PDB file of N, CA and C in Angstrom:
ATOM      1  N   UNK A   1      28.882  11.145   6.233  1.00  0.00           N
ATOM      2  CA  UNK A   1      28.028  10.534   7.231  1.00  0.00           C
ATOM      3  C   UNK A   1      27.094   9.553   6.545  1.00  0.00           C
ATOM      4  N   UNK A   2      26.980   8.362   7.072  1.00  0.00           N
ATOM      5  CA  UNK A   2      26.127   7.333   6.500  1.00  0.00           C
ATOM      6  C   UNK A   2      24.658   7.655   6.749  1.00  0.00           C
ATOM      7  N   UNK A   3      23.821   7.287   5.771  1.00  0.00           N
ATOM      8  CA  UNK A   3      22.388   7.487   5.936  1.00  0.00           C
ATOM      9  C   UNK A   3      21.843   6.495   6.958  1.00  0.00           C
ATOM     10  N   UNK A   4      20.927   6.971   7.767  1.00  0.00           N
ATOM     11  CA  UNK A   4      20.300   6.102   8.752  1.00  0.00           C
ATOM     12  C   UNK A   4      19.325   5.170   8.028  1.00  0.00           C
ATOM     13  N   UNK A   5      19.453   3.898   8.269  1.00  0.00           N
ATOM     14  CA  UNK A   5      18.566   2.917   7.651  1.00  0.00           C
ATOM     15  C   UNK A   5      17.641   2.370   8.726  1.00  0.00           C
ATOM     16  N   UNK A   6      16.380   2.279   8.383  1.00  0.00           N
ATOM     17  CA  UNK A   6      15.387   1.823   9.346  1.00  0.00           C
ATOM     18  C   UNK A   6      14.387   0.897   8.674  1.00  0.00           C
ATOM     19  N   UNK A   7      13.666   0.167   9.466  1.00  0.00           N
ATOM     20  CA  UNK A   7      12.558  -0.652   8.989  1.00  0.00           C
ATOM     21  C   UNK A   7      11.263   0.065   9.334  1.00  0.00           C
ATOM     22  N   UNK A   8      10.271  -0.098   8.486  1.00  0.00           N
ATOM     23  CA  UNK A   8       8.956   0.482   8.702  1.00  0.00           C
ATOM     24  C   UNK A   8       7.923  -0.631   8.620  1.00  0.00           C
ATOM     25  N   UNK A   9       6.910  -0.578   9.464  1.00  0.00           N
ATOM     26  CA  UNK A   9       5.878  -1.599   9.462  1.00  0.00           C
ATOM     27  C   UNK A   9       4.505  -0.955   9.304  1.00  0.00           C
ATOM     28  N   UNK A  10       3.712  -1.559   8.435  1.00  0.00           N
ATOM     29  CA  UNK A  10       2.329  -1.137   8.228  1.00  0.00           C
ATOM     30  C   UNK A  10       1.431  -2.291   8.671  1.00  0.00           C
ATOM     31  N   UNK A  11       0.414  -1.984   9.452  1.00  0.00           N
ATOM     32  CA  UNK A  11      -0.552  -3.002   9.875  1.00  0.00           C
ATOM     33  C   UNK A  11      -1.911  -2.599   9.336  1.00  0.00           C
ATOM     34  N   UNK A  12      -2.474  -3.466   8.473  1.00  0.00           N
ATOM     35  CA  UNK A  12      -3.742  -3.168   7.825  1.00  0.00           C
ATOM     36  C   UNK A  12      -4.924  -3.588   8.701  1.00  0.00           C
ATOM     37  N   UNK A  13      -6.109  -3.064   8.409  1.00  0.00           N
ATOM     38  CA  UNK A  13      -7.285  -3.355   9.238  1.00  0.00           C
ATOM     39  C   UNK A  13      -7.598  -4.848   9.379  1.00  0.00           C
ATOM     40  N   UNK A  14      -7.234  -5.651   8.373  1.00  0.00           N
ATOM     41  CA  UNK A  14      -7.515  -7.090   8.448  1.00  0.00           C
ATOM     42  C   UNK A  14      -6.438  -7.855   9.214  1.00  0.00           C
ATOM     43  N   UNK A  15      -5.459  -7.131   9.782  1.00  0.00           N
ATOM     44  CA  UNK A  15      -4.413  -7.754  10.582  1.00  0.00           C
ATOM     45  C   UNK A  15      -3.137  -8.061   9.817  1.00  0.00           C
ATOM     46  N   UNK A  16      -3.154  -7.938   8.487  1.00  0.00           N
ATOM     47  CA  UNK A  16      -1.956  -8.178   7.689  1.00  0.00           C
ATOM     48  C   UNK A  16      -0.901  -7.141   8.050  1.00  0.00           C
ATOM     49  N   UNK A  17       0.334  -7.583   8.206  1.00  0.00           N
ATOM     50  CA  UNK A  17       1.429  -6.695   8.561  1.00  0.00           C
ATOM     51  C   UNK A  17       2.504  -6.775   7.482  1.00  0.00           C
ATOM     52  N   UNK A  18       2.957  -5.632   7.011  1.00  0.00           N
ATOM     53  CA  UNK A  18       3.979  -5.544   5.970  1.00  0.00           C
ATOM     54  C   UNK A  18       5.149  -4.746   6.507  1.00  0.00           C
ATOM     55  N   UNK A  19       6.362  -5.319   6.431  1.00  0.00           N
ATOM     56  CA  UNK A  19       7.564  -4.627   6.855  1.00  0.00           C
ATOM     57  C   UNK A  19       8.346  -4.179   5.628  1.00  0.00           C
ATOM     58  N   UNK A  20       8.758  -2.934   5.629  1.00  0.00           N
ATOM     59  CA  UNK A  20       9.490  -2.310   4.533  1.00  0.00           C
ATOM     60  C   UNK A  20      10.891  -1.980   5.047  1.00  0.00           C
ATOM     61  N   UNK A  21      11.910  -2.325   4.274  1.00  0.00           N
ATOM     62  CA  UNK A  21      13.237  -1.888   4.674  1.00  0.00           C
ATOM     63  C   UNK A  21      14.278  -2.970   4.590  1.00  0.00           C
ATOM     64  N   UNK A  22      15.489  -2.618   4.939  1.00  0.00           N
ATOM     65  CA  UNK A  22      15.880  -1.333   5.517  1.00  0.00           C
ATOM     66  C   UNK A  22      15.851  -0.223   4.465  1.00  0.00           C
ATOM     67  N   UNK A  23      15.500   0.973   4.905  1.00  0.00           N
ATOM     68  CA  UNK A  23      15.408   2.102   3.996  1.00  0.00           C
ATOM     69  C   UNK A  23      15.838   3.386   4.696  1.00  0.00           C
ATOM     70  N   UNK A  24      16.341   4.302   3.914  1.00  0.00           N
ATOM     71  CA  UNK A  24      16.681   5.631   4.416  1.00  0.00           C
ATOM     72  C   UNK A  24      15.637   6.648   3.959  1.00  0.00           C
ATOM     73  N   UNK A  25      14.654   6.191   3.177  1.00  0.00           N
ATOM     74  CA  UNK A  25      13.611   7.069   2.651  1.00  0.00           C
ATOM     75  C   UNK A  25      12.531   7.251   3.718  1.00  0.00           C
ATOM     76  N   UNK A  26      12.034   8.449   3.836  1.00  0.00           N
ATOM     77  CA  UNK A  26      11.042   8.778   4.860  1.00  0.00           C
ATOM     78  C   UNK A  26       9.617   8.474   4.382  1.00  0.00           C
ATOM     79  N   UNK A  27       9.315   7.198   4.170  1.00  0.00           N
ATOM     80  CA  UNK A  27       7.950   6.821   3.804  1.00  0.00           C
ATOM     81  C   UNK A  27       7.033   7.038   4.995  1.00  0.00           C
ATOM     82  N   UNK A  28       5.806   7.470   4.731  1.00  0.00           N
ATOM     83  CA  UNK A  28       4.850   7.707   5.812  1.00  0.00           C
ATOM     84  C   UNK A  28       3.629   6.810   5.741  1.00  0.00           C
ATOM     85  N   UNK A  29       3.282   6.333   4.526  1.00  0.00           N
ATOM     86  CA  UNK A  29       2.059   5.545   4.360  1.00  0.00           C
ATOM     87  C   UNK A  29       2.260   4.368   3.413  1.00  0.00           C
ATOM     88  N   UNK A  30       1.465   3.342   3.639  1.00  0.00           N
ATOM     89  CA  UNK A  30       1.454   2.128   2.827  1.00  0.00           C
ATOM     90  C   UNK A  30       0.047   2.011   2.261  1.00  0.00           C
ATOM     91  N   UNK A  31      -0.051   1.609   1.001  1.00  0.00           N
ATOM     92  CA  UNK A  31      -1.362   1.398   0.396  1.00  0.00           C
ATOM     93  C   UNK A  31      -1.422   0.007  -0.211  1.00  0.00           C
ATOM     94  N   UNK A  32      -2.630  -0.564  -0.230  1.00  0.00           N
ATOM     95  CA  UNK A  32      -2.836  -1.886  -0.819  1.00  0.00           C
ATOM     96  C   UNK A  32      -4.197  -1.913  -1.507  1.00  0.00           C
ATOM     97  N   UNK A  33      -4.191  -2.415  -2.742  1.00  0.00           N
ATOM     98  CA  UNK A  33      -5.434  -2.623  -3.486  1.00  0.00           C
ATOM     99  C   UNK A  33      -5.603  -4.125  -3.662  1.00  0.00           C
ATOM    100  N   UNK A  34      -6.741  -4.650  -3.233  1.00  0.00           N
ATOM    101  CA  UNK A  34      -7.087  -6.053  -3.466  1.00  0.00           C
ATOM    102  C   UNK A  34      -8.205  -6.038  -4.498  1.00  0.00           C
ATOM    103  N   UNK A  35      -7.897  -6.512  -5.695  1.00  0.00           N
ATOM    104  CA  UNK A  35      -8.846  -6.507  -6.808  1.00  0.00           C
ATOM    105  C   UNK A  35      -9.468  -7.885  -6.958  1.00  0.00           C
ATOM    106  N   UNK A  36     -10.781  -7.910  -7.121  1.00  0.00           N
ATOM    107  CA  UNK A  36     -11.487  -9.164  -7.386  1.00  0.00           C
ATOM    108  C   UNK A  36     -11.789  -9.204  -8.878  1.00  0.00           C
ATOM    109  N   UNK A  37     -11.231 -10.199  -9.552  1.00  0.00           N
ATOM    110  CA  UNK A  37     -11.367 -10.319 -10.993  1.00  0.00           C
ATOM    111  C   UNK A  37     -12.678 -10.993 -11.359  1.00  0.00           C
ATOM    112  N   UNK A  38     -13.062 -10.892 -12.627  1.00  0.00           N
ATOM    113  CA  UNK A  38     -14.285 -11.536 -13.108  1.00  0.00           C
ATOM    114  C   UNK A  38     -14.278 -13.040 -12.840  1.00  0.00           C
ATOM    115  N   UNK A  39     -13.103 -13.658 -12.871  1.00  0.00           N
ATOM    116  CA  UNK A  39     -12.981 -15.101 -12.643  1.00  0.00           C
ATOM    117  C   UNK A  39     -13.152 -15.480 -11.175  1.00  0.00           C
ATOM    118  N   UNK A  40     -13.188 -14.467 -10.293  1.00  0.00           N
ATOM    119  CA  UNK A  40     -13.291 -14.728  -8.866  1.00  0.00           C
ATOM    120  C   UNK A  40     -11.937 -14.735  -8.170  1.00  0.00           C
ATOM    121  N   UNK A  41     -10.865 -14.770  -8.942  1.00  0.00           N
ATOM    122  CA  UNK A  41      -9.522 -14.706  -8.360  1.00  0.00           C
ATOM    123  C   UNK A  41      -9.244 -13.282  -7.891  1.00  0.00           C
ATOM    124  N   UNK A  42      -8.189 -13.150  -7.094  1.00  0.00           N
ATOM    125  CA  UNK A  42      -7.808 -11.819  -6.623  1.00  0.00           C
ATOM    126  C   UNK A  42      -6.388 -11.481  -7.059  1.00  0.00           C
ATOM    127  N   UNK A  43      -6.144 -10.203  -7.196  1.00  0.00           N
ATOM    128  CA  UNK A  43      -4.805  -9.680  -7.445  1.00  0.00           C
ATOM    129  C   UNK A  43      -4.546  -8.596  -6.407  1.00  0.00           C
ATOM    130  N   UNK A  44      -3.310  -8.517  -5.936  1.00  0.00           N
ATOM    131  CA  UNK A  44      -2.956  -7.531  -4.925  1.00  0.00           C
ATOM    132  C   UNK A  44      -1.878  -6.604  -5.473  1.00  0.00           C
ATOM    133  N   UNK A  45      -2.096  -5.320  -5.287  1.00  0.00           N
ATOM    134  CA  UNK A  45      -1.148  -4.282  -5.680  1.00  0.00           C
ATOM    135  C   UNK A  45      -0.839  -3.477  -4.431  1.00  0.00           C
ATOM    136  N   UNK A  46       0.420  -3.093  -4.245  1.00  0.00           N
ATOM    137  CA  UNK A  46       0.770  -2.354  -3.031  1.00  0.00           C
ATOM    138  C   UNK A  46       1.933  -1.414  -3.294  1.00  0.00           C
ATOM    139  N   UNK A  47       2.124  -0.507  -2.363  1.00  0.00           N
ATOM    140  CA  UNK A  47       3.238   0.416  -2.452  1.00  0.00           C
ATOM    141  C   UNK A  47       3.314   1.279  -1.216  1.00  0.00           C
ATOM    142  N   UNK A  48       4.279   2.169  -1.192  1.00  0.00           N
ATOM    143  CA  UNK A  48       4.427   3.084  -0.072  1.00  0.00           C
ATOM    144  C   UNK A  48       4.709   4.463  -0.623  1.00  0.00           C
ATOM    145  N   UNK A  49       4.339   5.475   0.153  1.00  0.00           N
ATOM    146  CA  UNK A  49       4.459   6.856  -0.297  1.00  0.00           C
ATOM    147  C   UNK A  49       5.075   7.723   0.801  1.00  0.00           C
ATOM    148  N   UNK A  50       5.454   8.924   0.402  1.00  0.00           N
ATOM    149  CA  UNK A  50       6.067   9.860   1.339  1.00  0.00           C
ATOM    150  C   UNK A  50       5.058  10.801   1.982  1.00  0.00           C
ATOM    151  N   UNK A  51       3.764  10.662   1.624  1.00  0.00           N
ATOM    152  CA  UNK A  51       2.742  11.511   2.250  1.00  0.00           C
ATOM    153  C   UNK A  51       1.370  10.858   2.130  1.00  0.00           C
ATOM    154  N   UNK A  52       0.468  11.271   3.008  1.00  0.00           N
ATOM    155  CA  UNK A  52      -0.908  10.784   2.949  1.00  0.00           C
ATOM    156  C   UNK A  52      -1.575  11.248   1.659  1.00  0.00           C
ATOM    157  N   UNK A  53      -1.269  12.466   1.219  1.00  0.00           N
ATOM    158  CA  UNK A  53      -1.852  12.992  -0.022  1.00  0.00           C
ATOM    159  C   UNK A  53      -1.480  12.111  -1.208  1.00  0.00           C
ATOM    160  N   UNK A  54      -0.222  11.680  -1.274  1.00  0.00           N
ATOM    161  CA  UNK A  54       0.201  10.784  -2.358  1.00  0.00           C
ATOM    162  C   UNK A  54      -0.567   9.464  -2.296  1.00  0.00           C
ATOM    163  N   UNK A  55      -0.739   8.930  -1.109  1.00  0.00           N
ATOM    164  CA  UNK A  55      -1.455   7.668  -0.949  1.00  0.00           C
ATOM    165  C   UNK A  55      -2.917   7.817  -1.359  1.00  0.00           C
ATOM    166  N   UNK A  56      -3.531   8.923  -1.011  1.00  0.00           N
ATOM    167  CA  UNK A  56      -4.953   9.140  -1.352  1.00  0.00           C
ATOM    168  C   UNK A  56      -5.169   9.261  -2.854  1.00  0.00           C
ATOM    169  N   UNK A  57      -4.148   9.627  -3.583  1.00  0.00           N
ATOM    170  CA  UNK A  57      -4.277   9.703  -5.043  1.00  0.00           C
ATOM    171  C   UNK A  57      -4.532   8.324  -5.657  1.00  0.00           C
ATOM    172  N   UNK A  58      -4.225   7.285  -4.925  1.00  0.00           N
ATOM    173  CA  UNK A  58      -4.464   5.918  -5.402  1.00  0.00           C
ATOM    174  C   UNK A  58      -5.955   5.618  -5.517  1.00  0.00           C
ATOM    175  N   UNK A  59      -6.791   6.395  -4.849  1.00  0.00           N
ATOM    176  CA  UNK A  59      -8.242   6.190  -4.916  1.00  0.00           C
ATOM    177  C   UNK A  59      -8.731   6.349  -6.353  1.00  0.00           C
ATOM    178  N   UNK A  60      -8.324   7.433  -6.988  1.00  0.00           N
ATOM    179  CA  UNK A  60      -8.722   7.678  -8.381  1.00  0.00           C
ATOM    180  C   UNK A  60      -8.085   6.640  -9.308  1.00  0.00           C
ATOM    181  N   UNK A  61      -6.812   6.329  -9.074  1.00  0.00           N
ATOM    182  CA  UNK A  61      -6.118   5.348  -9.910  1.00  0.00           C
ATOM    183  C   UNK A  61      -6.769   3.969  -9.795  1.00  0.00           C
ATOM    184  N   UNK A  62      -7.197   3.602  -8.600  1.00  0.00           N
ATOM    185  CA  UNK A  62      -7.842   2.306  -8.404  1.00  0.00           C
ATOM    186  C   UNK A  62      -9.175   2.241  -9.145  1.00  0.00           C
ATOM    187  N   UNK A  63      -9.935   3.320  -9.090  1.00  0.00           N
ATOM    188  CA  UNK A  63     -11.223   3.355  -9.798  1.00  0.00           C
ATOM    189  C   UNK A  63     -11.017   3.235 -11.310  1.00  0.00           C
ATOM    190  N   UNK A  64     -10.010   3.924 -11.832  1.00  0.00           N
ATOM    191  CA  UNK A  64      -9.701   3.833 -13.264  1.00  0.00           C
ATOM    192  C   UNK A  64      -9.258   2.422 -13.645  1.00  0.00           C
ATOM    193  N   UNK A  65      -8.409   1.824 -12.812  1.00  0.00           N
ATOM    194  CA  UNK A  65      -7.934   0.463 -13.082  1.00  0.00           C
ATOM    195  C   UNK A  65      -9.086  -0.522 -13.068  1.00  0.00           C
ATOM    196  N   UNK A  66     -10.002  -0.367 -12.130  1.00  0.00           N
ATOM    197  CA  UNK A  66     -11.161  -1.265 -12.049  1.00  0.00           C
ATOM    198  C   UNK A  66     -11.988  -1.187 -13.331  1.00  0.00           C
ATOM    199  N   UNK A  67     -12.196   0.007 -13.809  1.00  0.00           N
ATOM    200  CA  UNK A  67     -12.976   0.192 -15.040  1.00  0.00           C
ATOM    201  C   UNK A  67     -12.231  -0.370 -16.249  1.00  0.00           C
ATOM    202  N   UNK A  68     -10.946  -0.056 -16.366  1.00  0.00           N
ATOM    203  CA  UNK A  68     -10.166  -0.479 -17.527  1.00  0.00           C
ATOM    204  C   UNK A  68      -9.931  -1.991 -17.561  1.00  0.00           C
ATOM    205  N   UNK A  69      -9.721  -2.598 -16.401  1.00  0.00           N
ATOM    206  CA  UNK A  69      -9.382  -4.016 -16.342  1.00  0.00           C
ATOM    207  C   UNK A  69     -10.586  -4.915 -16.090  1.00  0.00           C
ATOM    208  N   UNK A  70     -11.749  -4.320 -15.849  1.00  0.00           N
ATOM    209  CA  UNK A  70     -12.955  -5.108 -15.666  1.00  0.00           C
ATOM    210  C   UNK A  70     -13.037  -5.842 -14.326  1.00  0.00           C
ATOM    211  N   UNK A  71     -12.481  -5.239 -13.277  1.00  0.00           N
ATOM    212  CA  UNK A  71     -12.571  -5.870 -11.966  1.00  0.00           C
ATOM    213  C   UNK A  71     -14.023  -5.886 -11.510  1.00  0.00           C
ATOM    214  N   UNK A  72     -14.418  -6.971 -10.849  1.00  0.00           N
ATOM    215  CA  UNK A  72     -15.760  -7.039 -10.269  1.00  0.00           C
ATOM    216  C   UNK A  72     -15.871  -6.084  -9.092  1.00  0.00           C
ATOM    217  N   UNK A  73     -14.815  -6.021  -8.308  1.00  0.00           N
ATOM    218  CA  UNK A  73     -14.787  -5.171  -7.120  1.00  0.00           C
ATOM    219  C   UNK A  73     -13.334  -4.986  -6.694  1.00  0.00           C
ATOM    220  N   UNK A  74     -13.104  -4.084  -5.774  1.00  0.00           N
ATOM    221  CA  UNK A  74     -11.760  -3.897  -5.226  1.00  0.00           C
ATOM    222  C   UNK A  74     -11.872  -3.208  -3.873  1.00  0.00           C
ATOM    223  N   UNK A  75     -10.826  -3.342  -3.085  1.00  0.00           N
ATOM    224  CA  UNK A  75     -10.736  -2.655  -1.799  1.00  0.00           C
ATOM    225  C   UNK A  75      -9.389  -1.948  -1.744  1.00  0.00           C
ATOM    226  N   UNK A  76      -9.390  -0.716  -1.290  1.00  0.00           N
ATOM    227  CA  UNK A  76      -8.175   0.071  -1.129  1.00  0.00           C
ATOM    228  C   UNK A  76      -7.999   0.389   0.346  1.00  0.00           C
ATOM    229  N   UNK A  77      -6.841   0.025   0.882  1.00  0.00           N
ATOM    230  CA  UNK A  77      -6.502   0.354   2.262  1.00  0.00           C
ATOM    231  C   UNK A  77      -5.281   1.260   2.258  1.00  0.00           C
ATOM    232  N   UNK A  78      -5.306   2.279   3.112  1.00  0.00           N
ATOM    233  CA  UNK A  78      -4.175   3.171   3.293  1.00  0.00           C
ATOM    234  C   UNK A  78      -3.917   3.246   4.795  1.00  0.00           C
ATOM    235  N   UNK A  79      -2.678   2.932   5.196  1.00  0.00           N
ATOM    236  CA  UNK A  79      -2.338   3.006   6.618  1.00  0.00           C
ATOM    237  C   UNK A  79      -1.000   3.700   6.800  1.00  0.00           C
ATOM    238  N   UNK A  80      -0.819   4.250   7.972  1.00  0.00           N
ATOM    239  CA  UNK A  80       0.435   4.898   8.329  1.00  0.00           C
ATOM    240  C   UNK A  80       1.475   3.830   8.668  1.00  0.00           C
ATOM    241  N   UNK A  81       2.720   4.077   8.324  1.00  0.00           N
ATOM    242  CA  UNK A  81       3.805   3.161   8.699  1.00  0.00           C
ATOM    243  C   UNK A  81       4.466   3.677   9.966  1.00  0.00           C
ATOM    244  N   UNK A  82       5.014   2.741  10.755  1.00  0.00           N
ATOM    245  CA  UNK A  82       5.691   3.107  11.993  1.00  0.00           C
ATOM    246  C   UNK A  82       7.068   2.451  11.996  1.00  0.00           C
ATOM    247  N   UNK A  83       8.058   3.073  12.598  1.00  0.00           N
ATOM    248  CA  UNK A  83       9.394   2.452  12.710  1.00  0.00           C
ATOM    249  C   UNK A  83       9.315   1.143  13.488  1.00  0.00           C
ATOM    250  N   UNK A  84      10.109   0.166  13.073  1.00  0.00           N
ATOM    251  CA  UNK A  84      10.115  -1.127  13.754  1.00  0.00           C
ATOM    252  C   UNK A  84      11.519  -1.720  13.711  1.00  0.00           C
ATOM    253  N   UNK A  85      11.677  -2.850  14.382  1.00  0.00           N
ATOM    254  CA  UNK A  85      12.967  -3.544  14.426  1.00  0.00           C
ATOM    255  C   UNK A  85      13.204  -4.401  13.193  1.00  0.00           C
ATOM    256  N   UNK A  86      12.179  -4.563  12.368  1.00  0.00           N
ATOM    257  CA  UNK A  86      12.346  -5.367  11.164  1.00  0.00           C
ATOM    258  C   UNK A  86      11.957  -6.755  11.454  1.00  0.00           C
TER     259      UNK A  86
END
């Protein structure tokens, strides 16, 4: 039997929408870190996880990255993904 493939969409508080897929993996959450560098430029890091607990672990990782890389500031968003048409 073939695995069911689906698209997943995450909509962040600022209105940005990210579509993931097609995938057969049961991702539940999307995370995004927007880092503000000392130069004023920004870098974006993102990913998806299979649970909210996994996504929340990015909070500690983001704080460590900010300290190690010398970011001026950063924002971490975690949102639930929903099935979509792609």
